C-alpha atoms as a PDB file:
ATOM      1  CA  MET A   1     -50.107 -23.080  17.460  1.00  0.00           C
ATOM      2  CA  SER A   2     -52.317 -21.626  20.216  1.00  0.00           C
ATOM      3  CA  LEU A   3     -51.999 -18.158  21.680  1.00  0.00           C
ATOM      4  CA  VAL A   4     -49.232 -18.006  24.284  1.00  0.00           C
ATOM      5  CA  ASN A   5     -48.445 -15.753  27.215  1.00  0.00           C
ATOM      6  CA  THR A   6     -45.490 -13.363  27.104  1.00  0.00           C
ATOM      7  CA  LYS A   7     -43.336 -14.854  29.856  1.00  0.00           C
ATOM      8  CA  LYS A   8     -41.190 -17.198  27.773  1.00  0.00           C
ATOM      9  CA  MET A   9     -40.792 -14.846  24.797  1.00  0.00           C
ATOM     10  CA  LEU A  10     -39.824 -11.851  26.959  1.00  0.00           C
ATOM     11  CA  ASN A  11     -37.372 -13.817  29.102  1.00  0.00           C
ATOM     12  CA  LYS A  12     -35.711 -15.089  25.922  1.00  0.00           C
ATOM     13  CA  ALA A  13     -35.562 -11.568  24.505  1.00  0.00           C
ATOM     14  CA  CYS A  14     -34.066 -10.220  27.721  1.00  0.00           C
ATOM     15  CA  ASN A  15     -31.350 -12.876  27.796  1.00  0.00           C
ATOM     16  CA  GLU A  16     -30.491 -12.564  24.094  1.00  0.00           C
ATOM     17  CA  GLY A  17     -30.543  -8.772  23.735  1.00  0.00           C
ATOM     18  CA  TYR A  18     -33.503  -7.947  21.536  1.00  0.00           C
ATOM     19  CA  ALA A  19     -37.083  -6.729  22.035  1.00  0.00           C
ATOM     20  CA  VAL A  20     -40.411  -8.203  21.007  1.00  0.00           C
ATOM     21  CA  GLY A  21     -42.757  -5.836  19.218  1.00  0.00           C
ATOM     22  CA  ALA A  22     -46.072  -5.167  20.932  1.00  0.00           C
ATOM     23  CA  PHE A  23     -48.378  -3.662  18.326  1.00  0.00           C
ATOM     24  CA  ASN A  24     -51.707  -2.102  19.238  1.00  0.00           C
ATOM     25  CA  VAL A  25     -54.568  -3.427  17.122  1.00  0.00           C
ATOM     26  CA  ASN A  26     -58.021  -2.002  16.511  1.00  0.00           C
ATOM     27  CA  ASN A  27     -59.431  -3.795  13.475  1.00  0.00           C
ATOM     28  CA  MET A  28     -59.011  -6.695  11.056  1.00  0.00           C
ATOM     29  CA  GLU A  29     -56.729  -4.849   8.646  1.00  0.00           C
ATOM     30  CA  ILE A  30     -54.163  -3.921  11.282  1.00  0.00           C
ATOM     31  CA  ILE A  31     -54.175  -7.434  12.745  1.00  0.00           C
ATOM     32  CA  GLN A  32     -53.714  -9.045   9.329  1.00  0.00           C
ATOM     33  CA  SER A  33     -50.877  -6.717   8.355  1.00  0.00           C
ATOM     34  CA  VAL A  34     -48.927  -7.063  11.605  1.00  0.00           C
ATOM     35  CA  VAL A  35     -49.259 -10.847  11.751  1.00  0.00           C
ATOM     36  CA  GLN A  36     -48.273 -11.297   8.101  1.00  0.00           C
ATOM     37  CA  ALA A  37     -45.150  -9.185   8.630  1.00  0.00           C
ATOM     38  CA  ALA A  38     -44.090 -11.091  11.752  1.00  0.00           C
ATOM     39  CA  ASN A  39     -44.872 -14.441  10.156  1.00  0.00           C
ATOM     40  CA  GLU A  40     -42.685 -13.722   7.141  1.00  0.00           C
ATOM     41  CA  LEU A  41     -39.802 -12.834   9.472  1.00  0.00           C
ATOM     42  CA  SER A  42     -40.359 -15.698  11.938  1.00  0.00           C
ATOM     43  CA  SER A  43     -40.659 -13.225  14.772  1.00  0.00           C
ATOM     44  CA  PRO A  44     -42.487 -13.661  18.085  1.00  0.00           C
ATOM     45  CA  LEU A  45     -45.332 -11.206  18.349  1.00  0.00           C
ATOM     46  CA  ILE A  46     -47.525  -9.427  20.873  1.00  0.00           C
ATOM     47  CA  LEU A  47     -50.854  -8.017  19.727  1.00  0.00           C
ATOM     48  CA  GLN A  48     -52.336  -5.693  22.293  1.00  0.00           C
ATOM     49  CA  ALA A  49     -55.712  -4.076  22.812  1.00  0.00           C
ATOM     50  CA  SER A  50     -56.205  -0.847  24.722  1.00  0.00           C
ATOM     51  CA  MET A  51     -59.369   0.355  26.412  1.00  0.00           C
ATOM     52  CA  GLY A  52     -60.098   2.428  23.315  1.00  0.00           C
ATOM     53  CA  ALA A  53     -59.697  -0.594  21.049  1.00  0.00           C
ATOM     54  CA  ARG A  54     -62.035  -2.665  23.201  1.00  0.00           C
ATOM     55  CA  LYS A  55     -64.628   0.095  23.160  1.00  0.00           C
ATOM     56  CA  TYR A  56     -64.319   0.474  19.389  1.00  0.00           C
ATOM     57  CA  ALA A  57     -64.199  -3.134  18.199  1.00  0.00           C
ATOM     58  CA  GLY A  58     -65.351  -5.101  21.240  1.00  0.00           C
ATOM     59  CA  THR A  59     -63.273  -7.537  23.280  1.00  0.00           C
ATOM     60  CA  THR A  60     -64.862 -10.602  21.664  1.00  0.00           C
ATOM     61  CA  TYR A  61     -64.376  -9.329  18.115  1.00  0.00           C
ATOM     62  CA  LEU A  62     -60.717  -8.526  18.740  1.00  0.00           C
ATOM     63  CA  LYS A  63     -60.038 -11.922  20.273  1.00  0.00           C
ATOM     64  CA  LYS A  64     -61.744 -13.764  17.414  1.00  0.00           C
ATOM     65  CA  LEU A  65     -59.829 -11.734  14.824  1.00  0.00           C
ATOM     66  CA  VAL A  66     -56.534 -12.490  16.569  1.00  0.00           C
ATOM     67  CA  GLU A  67     -57.433 -16.188  16.789  1.00  0.00           C
ATOM     68  CA  ALA A  68     -58.169 -16.222  13.054  1.00  0.00           C
ATOM     69  CA  ALA A  69     -54.814 -14.618  12.267  1.00  0.00           C
ATOM     70  CA  GLU A  70     -53.021 -16.955  14.656  1.00  0.00           C
ATOM     71  CA  SER A  71     -54.570 -20.024  13.010  1.00  0.00           C
ATOM     72  CA  GLU A  72     -52.880 -19.076   9.729  1.00  0.00           C
ATOM     73  CA  SER A  73     -49.454 -18.325  11.224  1.00  0.00           C
ATOM     74  CA  ASN A  74     -46.483 -20.305  12.483  1.00  0.00           C
ATOM     75  CA  ILE A  75     -45.215 -17.922  15.133  1.00  0.00           C
ATOM     76  CA  PRO A  76     -45.885 -17.509  18.867  1.00  0.00           C
ATOM     77  CA  ILE A  77     -48.507 -14.792  19.345  1.00  0.00           C
ATOM     78  CA  ALA A  78     -49.663 -13.312  22.640  1.00  0.00           C
ATOM     79  CA  LEU A  79     -52.905 -11.369  23.036  1.00  0.00           C
ATOM     80  CA  HIS A  80     -52.231  -8.654  25.597  1.00  0.00           C
ATOM     81  CA  LEU A  81     -54.417  -6.162  27.426  1.00  0.00           C
ATOM     82  CA  ASP A  82     -52.741  -2.762  27.223  1.00  0.00           C
ATOM     83  CA  HIS A  83     -53.238  -0.368  30.158  1.00  0.00           C
ATOM     84  CA  GLY A  84     -55.749  -2.402  32.120  1.00  0.00           C
ATOM     85  CA  GLU A  85     -57.460   0.224  34.243  1.00  0.00           C
ATOM     86  CA  SER A  86     -58.690  -2.046  37.048  1.00  0.00           C
ATOM     87  CA  PHE A  87     -58.686  -5.571  38.442  1.00  0.00           C
ATOM     88  CA  GLU A  88     -62.115  -6.062  36.903  1.00  0.00           C
ATOM     89  CA  ALA A  89     -60.878  -5.094  33.417  1.00  0.00           C
ATOM     90  CA  CYS A  90     -57.948  -7.514  33.726  1.00  0.00           C
ATOM     91  CA  LYS A  91     -60.218 -10.293  34.985  1.00  0.00           C
ATOM     92  CA  GLU A  92     -62.651  -9.760  32.104  1.00  0.00           C
ATOM     93  CA  CYS A  93     -59.865 -10.111  29.557  1.00  0.00           C
ATOM     94  CA  ILE A  94     -58.338 -13.124  31.306  1.00  0.00           C
ATOM     95  CA  ASP A  95     -61.729 -14.827  31.428  1.00  0.00           C
ATOM     96  CA  SER A  96     -62.308 -14.082  27.736  1.00  0.00           C
ATOM     97  CA  GLY A  97     -59.024 -15.694  26.661  1.00  0.00           C
ATOM     98  CA  PHE A  98     -56.349 -12.984  26.674  1.00  0.00           C
ATOM     99  CA  THR A  99     -52.981 -14.581  27.425  1.00  0.00           C
ATOM    100  CA  SER A 100     -51.347 -11.504  28.952  1.00  0.00           C
ATOM    101  CA  VAL A 101     -52.614  -8.430  30.780  1.00  0.00           C
ATOM    102  CA  MET A 102     -51.213  -5.131  31.981  1.00  0.00           C
ATOM    103  CA  ILE A 103     -52.493  -3.621  35.184  1.00  0.00           C
ATOM    104  CA  ASP A 104     -51.696   0.080  35.147  1.00  0.00           C
ATOM    105  CA  GLY A 105     -51.516   1.334  38.718  1.00  0.00           C
ATOM    106  CA  SER A 106     -48.830   3.900  37.937  1.00  0.00           C
ATOM    107  CA  SER A 107     -51.086   6.811  38.881  1.00  0.00           C
ATOM    108  CA  LEU A 108     -51.779   5.325  42.319  1.00  0.00           C
ATOM    109  CA  GLU A 109     -49.759   5.649  45.496  1.00  0.00           C
ATOM    110  CA  TYR A 110     -46.930   3.115  45.541  1.00  0.00           C
ATOM    111  CA  SER A 111     -48.543   0.858  48.145  1.00  0.00           C
ATOM    112  CA  LYS A 112     -51.825   0.833  46.216  1.00  0.00           C
ATOM    113  CA  ASN A 113     -49.988  -0.008  42.983  1.00  0.00           C
ATOM    114  CA  VAL A 114     -48.330  -2.951  44.753  1.00  0.00           C
ATOM    115  CA  GLU A 115     -51.663  -4.070  46.191  1.00  0.00           C
ATOM    116  CA  ILE A 116     -53.640  -4.076  42.936  1.00  0.00           C
ATOM    117  CA  THR A 117     -50.761  -5.625  40.985  1.00  0.00           C
ATOM    118  CA  ARG A 118     -50.464  -8.483  43.475  1.00  0.00           C
ATOM    119  CA  LYS A 119     -54.200  -9.098  43.172  1.00  0.00           C
ATOM    120  CA  VAL A 120     -54.044  -9.281  39.378  1.00  0.00           C
ATOM    121  CA  VAL A 121     -50.932 -11.492  39.446  1.00  0.00           C
ATOM    122  CA  LYS A 122     -52.579 -13.944  41.844  1.00  0.00           C
ATOM    123  CA  TYR A 123     -55.631 -14.297  39.607  1.00  0.00           C
ATOM    124  CA  ALA A 124     -53.779 -14.300  36.278  1.00  0.00           C
ATOM    125  CA  HIS A 125     -51.165 -16.876  37.211  1.00  0.00           C
ATOM    126  CA  LYS A 126     -53.904 -19.381  38.066  1.00  0.00           C
ATOM    127  CA  TYR A 127     -54.784 -19.345  34.365  1.00  0.00           C
ATOM    128  CA  ASN A 128     -51.224 -19.220  32.989  1.00  0.00           C
ATOM    129  CA  VAL A 129     -51.647 -15.563  32.017  1.00  0.00           C
ATOM    130  CA  SER A 130     -48.625 -13.256  32.281  1.00  0.00           C
ATOM    131  CA  VAL A 131     -48.845  -9.843  33.944  1.00  0.00           C
ATOM    132  CA  GLU A 132     -47.180  -6.533  33.142  1.00  0.00           C
ATOM    133  CA  ALA A 133     -47.296  -3.585  35.544  1.00  0.00           C
ATOM    134  CA  GLU A 134     -46.026  -0.024  35.370  1.00  0.00           C
ATOM    135  CA  LEU A 135     -43.854   2.022  37.700  1.00  0.00           C
ATOM    136  CA  GLY A 136     -43.189   5.631  36.876  1.00  0.00           C
ATOM    137  CA  SER A 137     -45.498   7.631  34.648  1.00  0.00           C
ATOM    138  CA  LEU A 138     -45.323   8.673  30.994  1.00  0.00           C
ATOM    139  CA  SER A 139     -46.791  11.935  29.788  1.00  0.00           C
ATOM    140  CA  GLY A 140     -48.919  12.189  26.674  1.00  0.00           C
ATOM    141  CA  ILE A 141     -52.268  11.084  25.328  1.00  0.00           C
ATOM    142  CA  GLU A 142     -53.171   7.655  23.945  1.00  0.00           C
ATOM    143  CA  ASP A 143     -56.801   6.483  23.955  1.00  0.00           C
ATOM    144  CA  GLU A 144     -57.934   6.829  27.582  1.00  0.00           C
ATOM    145  CA  VAL A 145     -54.393   7.465  28.897  1.00  0.00           C
ATOM    146  CA  LYS A 146     -53.945  11.195  29.509  1.00  0.00           C
ATOM    147  CA  ILE A 147     -51.073  12.407  31.690  1.00  0.00           C
ATOM    148  CA  THR A 148     -49.602  15.908  31.770  1.00  0.00           C
ATOM    149  CA  LYS A 149     -45.869  16.614  31.777  1.00  0.00           C
ATOM    150  CA  GLU A 150     -46.191  17.920  35.329  1.00  0.00           C
ATOM    151  CA  ASN A 151     -47.619  14.608  36.532  1.00  0.00           C
ATOM    152  CA  SER A 152     -45.101  12.373  34.751  1.00  0.00           C
ATOM    153  CA  PHE A 153     -42.022  11.031  36.522  1.00  0.00           C
ATOM    154  CA  TYR A 154     -39.138   8.627  35.979  1.00  0.00           C
ATOM    155  CA  THR A 155     -38.992   5.161  37.476  1.00  0.00           C
ATOM    156  CA  ASP A 156     -36.952   4.865  40.677  1.00  0.00           C
ATOM    157  CA  PRO A 157     -34.508   1.902  40.399  1.00  0.00           C
ATOM    158  CA  ASP A 158     -34.699   0.926  44.088  1.00  0.00           C
ATOM    159  CA  GLN A 159     -38.487   1.068  43.982  1.00  0.00           C
ATOM    160  CA  ALA A 160     -38.514  -1.052  40.833  1.00  0.00           C
ATOM    161  CA  ALA A 161     -36.577  -3.837  42.552  1.00  0.00           C
ATOM    162  CA  ASP A 162     -38.850  -3.689  45.583  1.00  0.00           C
ATOM    163  CA  PHE A 163     -41.963  -3.681  43.385  1.00  0.00           C
ATOM    164  CA  VAL A 164     -40.933  -6.771  41.413  1.00  0.00           C
ATOM    165  CA  LYS A 165     -40.104  -8.649  44.606  1.00  0.00           C
ATOM    166  CA  LYS A 166     -43.395  -7.776  46.295  1.00  0.00           C
ATOM    167  CA  THR A 167     -45.705  -8.395  43.331  1.00  0.00           C
ATOM    168  CA  ASN A 168     -44.143 -11.351  41.445  1.00  0.00           C
ATOM    169  CA  VAL A 169     -45.042  -9.532  38.242  1.00  0.00           C
ATOM    170  CA  ASP A 170     -43.697 -10.966  34.957  1.00  0.00           C
ATOM    171  CA  SER A 171     -42.560  -7.728  33.309  1.00  0.00           C
ATOM    172  CA  LEU A 172     -42.364  -4.074  34.255  1.00  0.00           C
ATOM    173  CA  ALA A 173     -43.053  -0.985  32.176  1.00  0.00           C
ATOM    174  CA  ILE A 174     -40.692   1.818  33.144  1.00  0.00           C
ATOM    175  CA  ALA A 175     -40.531   5.545  32.486  1.00  0.00           C
ATOM    176  CA  ILE A 176     -37.194   6.692  31.042  1.00  0.00           C
ATOM    177  CA  GLY A 177     -38.262   9.473  28.707  1.00  0.00           C
ATOM    178  CA  THR A 178     -40.820   8.080  26.273  1.00  0.00           C
ATOM    179  CA  SER A 179     -44.299   9.554  25.917  1.00  0.00           C
ATOM    180  CA  HIS A 180     -47.677   8.445  24.605  1.00  0.00           C
ATOM    181  CA  GLY A 181     -49.068   9.743  21.320  1.00  0.00           C
ATOM    182  CA  ALA A 182     -47.523  11.570  18.363  1.00  0.00           C
ATOM    183  CA  TYR A 183     -46.493  14.738  20.224  1.00  0.00           C
ATOM    184  CA  LYS A 184     -43.811  13.363  22.507  1.00  0.00           C
ATOM    185  CA  PHE A 185     -41.459  16.338  22.530  1.00  0.00           C
ATOM    186  CA  LYS A 186     -41.458  20.079  22.003  1.00  0.00           C
ATOM    187  CA  PRO A 187     -40.364  21.478  18.603  1.00  0.00           C
ATOM    188  CA  ASN A 188     -36.556  21.600  18.298  1.00  0.00           C
ATOM    189  CA  GLN A 189     -36.176  19.456  21.425  1.00  0.00           C
ATOM    190  CA  THR A 190     -33.746  16.545  21.063  1.00  0.00           C
ATOM    191  CA  PRO A 191     -35.539  13.305  21.970  1.00  0.00           C
ATOM    192  CA  LYS A 192     -33.342  11.297  24.299  1.00  0.00           C
ATOM    193  CA  LEU A 193     -33.952   8.346  26.585  1.00  0.00           C
ATOM    194  CA  ARG A 194     -32.502   8.195  30.098  1.00  0.00           C
ATOM    195  CA  PHE A 195     -30.189   5.244  29.639  1.00  0.00           C
ATOM    196  CA  ASP A 196     -28.528   6.076  32.955  1.00  0.00           C
ATOM    197  CA  ILE A 197     -31.792   5.227  34.722  1.00  0.00           C
ATOM    198  CA  LEU A 198     -32.245   2.088  32.605  1.00  0.00           C
ATOM    199  CA  GLU A 199     -28.746   0.888  33.533  1.00  0.00           C
ATOM    200  CA  LYS A 200     -29.462   1.378  37.237  1.00  0.00           C
ATOM    201  CA  ILE A 201     -32.730  -0.539  36.989  1.00  0.00           C
ATOM    202  CA  GLN A 202     -30.977  -3.269  35.033  1.00  0.00           C
ATOM    203  CA  LYS A 203     -28.426  -3.652  37.822  1.00  0.00           C
ATOM    204  CA  LYS A 204     -31.121  -3.778  40.510  1.00  0.00           C
ATOM    205  CA  ILE A 205     -33.193  -6.441  38.706  1.00  0.00           C
ATOM    206  CA  PRO A 206     -30.830  -8.215  36.294  1.00  0.00           C
ATOM    207  CA  SER A 207     -32.262 -10.485  33.592  1.00  0.00           C
ATOM    208  CA  PHE A 208     -35.749  -9.152  34.239  1.00  0.00           C
ATOM    209  CA  PRO A 209     -37.907  -8.109  31.231  1.00  0.00           C
ATOM    210  CA  LEU A 210     -38.575  -4.379  31.084  1.00  0.00           C
ATOM    211  CA  VAL A 211     -41.127  -2.680  28.850  1.00  0.00           C
ATOM    212  CA  LEU A 212     -41.053   0.595  26.939  1.00  0.00           C
ATOM    213  CA  HIS A 213     -44.382   2.313  26.328  1.00  0.00           C
ATOM    214  CA  GLY A 214     -44.893   5.310  24.050  1.00  0.00           C
ATOM    215  CA  ALA A 215     -42.116   4.164  21.718  1.00  0.00           C
ATOM    216  CA  SER A 216     -43.409   5.102  18.275  1.00  0.00           C
ATOM    217  CA  THR A 217     -40.845   6.865  16.092  1.00  0.00           C
ATOM    218  CA  ILE A 218     -43.392   9.169  14.368  1.00  0.00           C
ATOM    219  CA  LEU A 219     -41.641   8.794  11.037  1.00  0.00           C
ATOM    220  CA  PRO A 220     -41.448  12.079   9.049  1.00  0.00           C
ATOM    221  CA  GLU A 221     -42.406  10.411   5.768  1.00  0.00           C
ATOM    222  CA  TYR A 222     -45.856   9.593   7.118  1.00  0.00           C
ATOM    223  CA  ILE A 223     -46.350  13.046   8.608  1.00  0.00           C
ATOM    224  CA  ASN A 224     -45.276  14.658   5.338  1.00  0.00           C
ATOM    225  CA  GLU A 225     -47.554  12.443   3.277  1.00  0.00           C
ATOM    226  CA  ILE A 226     -50.553  13.099   5.515  1.00  0.00           C
ATOM    227  CA  ASN A 227     -49.981  16.848   5.326  1.00  0.00           C
ATOM    228  CA  HIS A 228     -49.342  16.771   1.587  1.00  0.00           C
ATOM    229  CA  TYR A 229     -52.684  15.100   0.971  1.00  0.00           C
ATOM    230  CA  GLY A 230     -54.835  17.400   3.048  1.00  0.00           C
ATOM    231  CA  GLY A 231     -53.922  16.638   6.662  1.00  0.00           C
ATOM    232  CA  SER A 232     -52.587  19.018   9.274  1.00  0.00           C
ATOM    233  CA  ILE A 233     -50.287  17.346  11.804  1.00  0.00           C
ATOM    234  CA  GLN A 234     -47.793  19.859  13.145  1.00  0.00           C
ATOM    235  CA  ASN A 235     -44.805  19.451  15.481  1.00  0.00           C
ATOM    236  CA  ALA A 236     -45.198  15.691  15.861  1.00  0.00           C
ATOM    237  CA  LEU A 237     -41.979  14.113  17.113  1.00  0.00           C
ATOM    238  CA  GLY A 238     -41.163  10.601  18.324  1.00  0.00           C
ATOM    239  CA  ILE A 239     -38.386   8.381  19.639  1.00  0.00           C
ATOM    240  CA  PRO A 240     -35.397   8.030  17.254  1.00  0.00           C
ATOM    241  CA  GLU A 241     -34.874   4.495  16.023  1.00  0.00           C
ATOM    242  CA  GLU A 242     -31.256   4.504  17.216  1.00  0.00           C
ATOM    243  CA  GLU A 243     -32.468   5.104  20.789  1.00  0.00           C
ATOM    244  CA  LEU A 244     -34.880   2.174  20.516  1.00  0.00           C
ATOM    245  CA  LYS A 245     -32.181  -0.084  19.067  1.00  0.00           C
ATOM    246  CA  LYS A 246     -29.943   0.651  22.040  1.00  0.00           C
ATOM    247  CA  ALA A 247     -32.759   0.002  24.508  1.00  0.00           C
ATOM    248  CA  ALA A 248     -33.598  -3.314  22.814  1.00  0.00           C
ATOM    249  CA  LYS A 249     -30.033  -4.519  23.314  1.00  0.00           C
ATOM    250  CA  MET A 250     -30.345  -3.873  27.041  1.00  0.00           C
ATOM    251  CA  SER A 251     -33.165  -5.135  29.283  1.00  0.00           C
ATOM    252  CA  ILE A 252     -35.988  -3.569  27.286  1.00  0.00           C
ATOM    253  CA  SER A 253     -37.650  -6.758  26.075  1.00  0.00           C
ATOM    254  CA  LYS A 254     -41.025  -5.414  24.908  1.00  0.00           C
ATOM    255  CA  ILE A 255     -41.473  -2.222  22.906  1.00  0.00           C
ATOM    256  CA  ASN A 256     -44.974  -0.847  22.359  1.00  0.00           C
ATOM    257  CA  ILE A 257     -45.902   0.652  18.986  1.00  0.00           C
ATOM    258  CA  ASP A 258     -49.255   2.270  18.264  1.00  0.00           C
ATOM    259  CA  SER A 259     -49.074   5.778  16.768  1.00  0.00           C
ATOM    260  CA  ASP A 260     -46.756   4.675  13.945  1.00  0.00           C
ATOM    261  CA  LEU A 261     -49.387   2.168  12.790  1.00  0.00           C
ATOM    262  CA  ARG A 262     -52.098   4.833  12.800  1.00  0.00           C
ATOM    263  CA  LEU A 263     -49.924   7.268  10.861  1.00  0.00           C
ATOM    264  CA  ALA A 264     -48.948   4.666   8.245  1.00  0.00           C
ATOM    265  CA  MET A 265     -52.581   3.722   7.741  1.00  0.00           C
ATOM    266  CA  THR A 266     -53.828   7.304   7.566  1.00  0.00           C
ATOM    267  CA  ALA A 267     -51.087   8.435   5.172  1.00  0.00           C
ATOM    268  CA  SER A 268     -51.826   5.589   2.782  1.00  0.00           C
ATOM    269  CA  ILE A 269     -55.590   6.157   2.794  1.00  0.00           C
ATOM    270  CA  ARG A 270     -55.265   9.923   2.324  1.00  0.00           C
ATOM    271  CA  LYS A 271     -52.912   9.459  -0.595  1.00  0.00           C
ATOM    272  CA  TYR A 272     -55.079   6.827  -2.287  1.00  0.00           C
ATOM    273  CA  LEU A 273     -58.317   8.804  -1.994  1.00  0.00           C
ATOM    274  CA  PHE A 274     -56.621  11.993  -3.210  1.00  0.00           C
ATOM    275  CA  GLN A 275     -55.147  10.253  -6.234  1.00  0.00           C
ATOM    276  CA  HIS A 276     -58.361   8.333  -6.972  1.00  0.00           C
ATOM    277  CA  PRO A 277     -61.224  10.741  -6.236  1.00  0.00           C
ATOM    278  CA  ASN A 278     -63.691   8.483  -8.053  1.00  0.00           C
ATOM    279  CA  LYS A 279     -62.973   5.471  -5.836  1.00  0.00           C
ATOM    280  CA  PHE A 280     -65.171   4.525  -2.894  1.00  0.00           C
ATOM    281  CA  ASP A 281     -64.541   0.811  -2.294  1.00  0.00           C
ATOM    282  CA  PRO A 282     -63.005   0.381   1.202  1.00  0.00           C
ATOM    283  CA  ARG A 283     -61.353  -2.853   0.075  1.00  0.00           C
ATOM    284  CA  GLU A 284     -59.207  -0.885  -2.357  1.00  0.00           C
ATOM    285  CA  TYR A 285     -57.927   1.858  -0.063  1.00  0.00           C
ATOM    286  CA  LEU A 286     -57.673  -0.473   2.932  1.00  0.00           C
ATOM    287  CA  SER A 287     -55.555  -2.858   0.853  1.00  0.00           C
ATOM    288  CA  GLU A 288     -53.130   0.002   0.286  1.00  0.00           C
ATOM    289  CA  ALA A 289     -53.165   0.699   4.027  1.00  0.00           C
ATOM    290  CA  LYS A 290     -52.419  -2.951   4.827  1.00  0.00           C
ATOM    291  CA  THR A 291     -49.401  -2.880   2.529  1.00  0.00           C
ATOM    292  CA  SER A 292     -48.100   0.251   4.247  1.00  0.00           C
ATOM    293  CA  ILE A 293     -48.562  -1.156   7.757  1.00  0.00           C
ATOM    294  CA  LYS A 294     -46.927  -4.444   6.805  1.00  0.00           C
ATOM    295  CA  SER A 295     -43.879  -2.631   5.428  1.00  0.00           C
ATOM    296  CA  LEU A 296     -43.613  -0.526   8.589  1.00  0.00           C
ATOM    297  CA  VAL A 297     -43.833  -3.537  10.891  1.00  0.00           C
ATOM    298  CA  LYS A 298     -41.233  -5.514   8.946  1.00  0.00           C
ATOM    299  CA  ASN A 299     -38.824  -2.586   9.232  1.00  0.00           C
ATOM    300  CA  LYS A 300     -39.431  -2.349  12.991  1.00  0.00           C
ATOM    301  CA  ILE A 301     -38.863  -6.072  13.509  1.00  0.00           C
ATOM    302  CA  GLN A 302     -35.722  -6.270  11.386  1.00  0.00           C
ATOM    303  CA  ASN A 303     -34.001  -2.948  11.917  1.00  0.00           C
ATOM    304  CA  VAL A 304     -35.173  -1.662  15.293  1.00  0.00           C
ATOM    305  CA  LEU A 305     -36.286  -4.503  17.554  1.00  0.00           C
ATOM    306  CA  GLY A 306     -33.823  -7.079  16.274  1.00  0.00           C
ATOM    307  CA  CYS A 307     -36.290  -9.937  16.730  1.00  0.00           C
ATOM    308  CA  ALA A 308     -36.463 -11.320  13.183  1.00  0.00           C
ATOM    309  CA  TYR A 309     -35.896 -15.090  12.979  1.00  0.00           C
ATOM    310  CA  LYS A 310     -35.957 -15.494  16.773  1.00  0.00           C
ATOM    311  CA  ILE A 311     -38.288 -18.512  17.014  1.00  0.00           C
END
């Protein structure tokens, strides 16, 4: 099975009330773990590369690693550009074989966001590549994405409908209370998504795939394990799984997960090296990390996204 774009899988998810997991990947170990988990659960899958991932591993390396994983799987896999910063970045990834791209014009004036999104859509659709755009702005820090609370804002439902009509985009990332990174909320703050805004958007553009960025749960067990074995991550707080479950049953058809993967990997490596101070073979501690990531992803697919056995 060749790499596919996201259009069919997200439309199916939207109509059937579940979400496809979009997992950020940076190296071979993460790719292997995520694909193995999805393959065992017969789940559609989106692997996505951010600007930071492309700088770290290289666009060609990431694509070849994904192709290798795909060749050993029996599930539909899309290779997606996360937070494409320009038309040129999207074009580069399309030309190199990505099957889906995101153009992030959310920081631009509305008319400029429409303009650049239309340009990307026109080019991408010629090559059967799906396009995601963003309307509204999430706070937080993730790779090159850095937005303060003061500059974040919720998605306007009327504007969302107008944007989709004008751009012919395939999916739309919206801002309803999520945030990039591990520090999504203040200490003692109750994390809560704005389902009232989601419902209004859903009514304005029914049966249209919506995307949730910054949706890692920041599971306490990983934070506790990291801190227990020498780390110092304080006041990290994410999106409760119950909130994500509810969103997945509505029009949220793609849920992005990045920080949870990093935390699972880091916790496992810290624990292994602490318990085995004489060990130095990366294959040993990275094998432990792969097991941890795989377990995390399987839980997300089965118990949060609801997309197990959906192919």
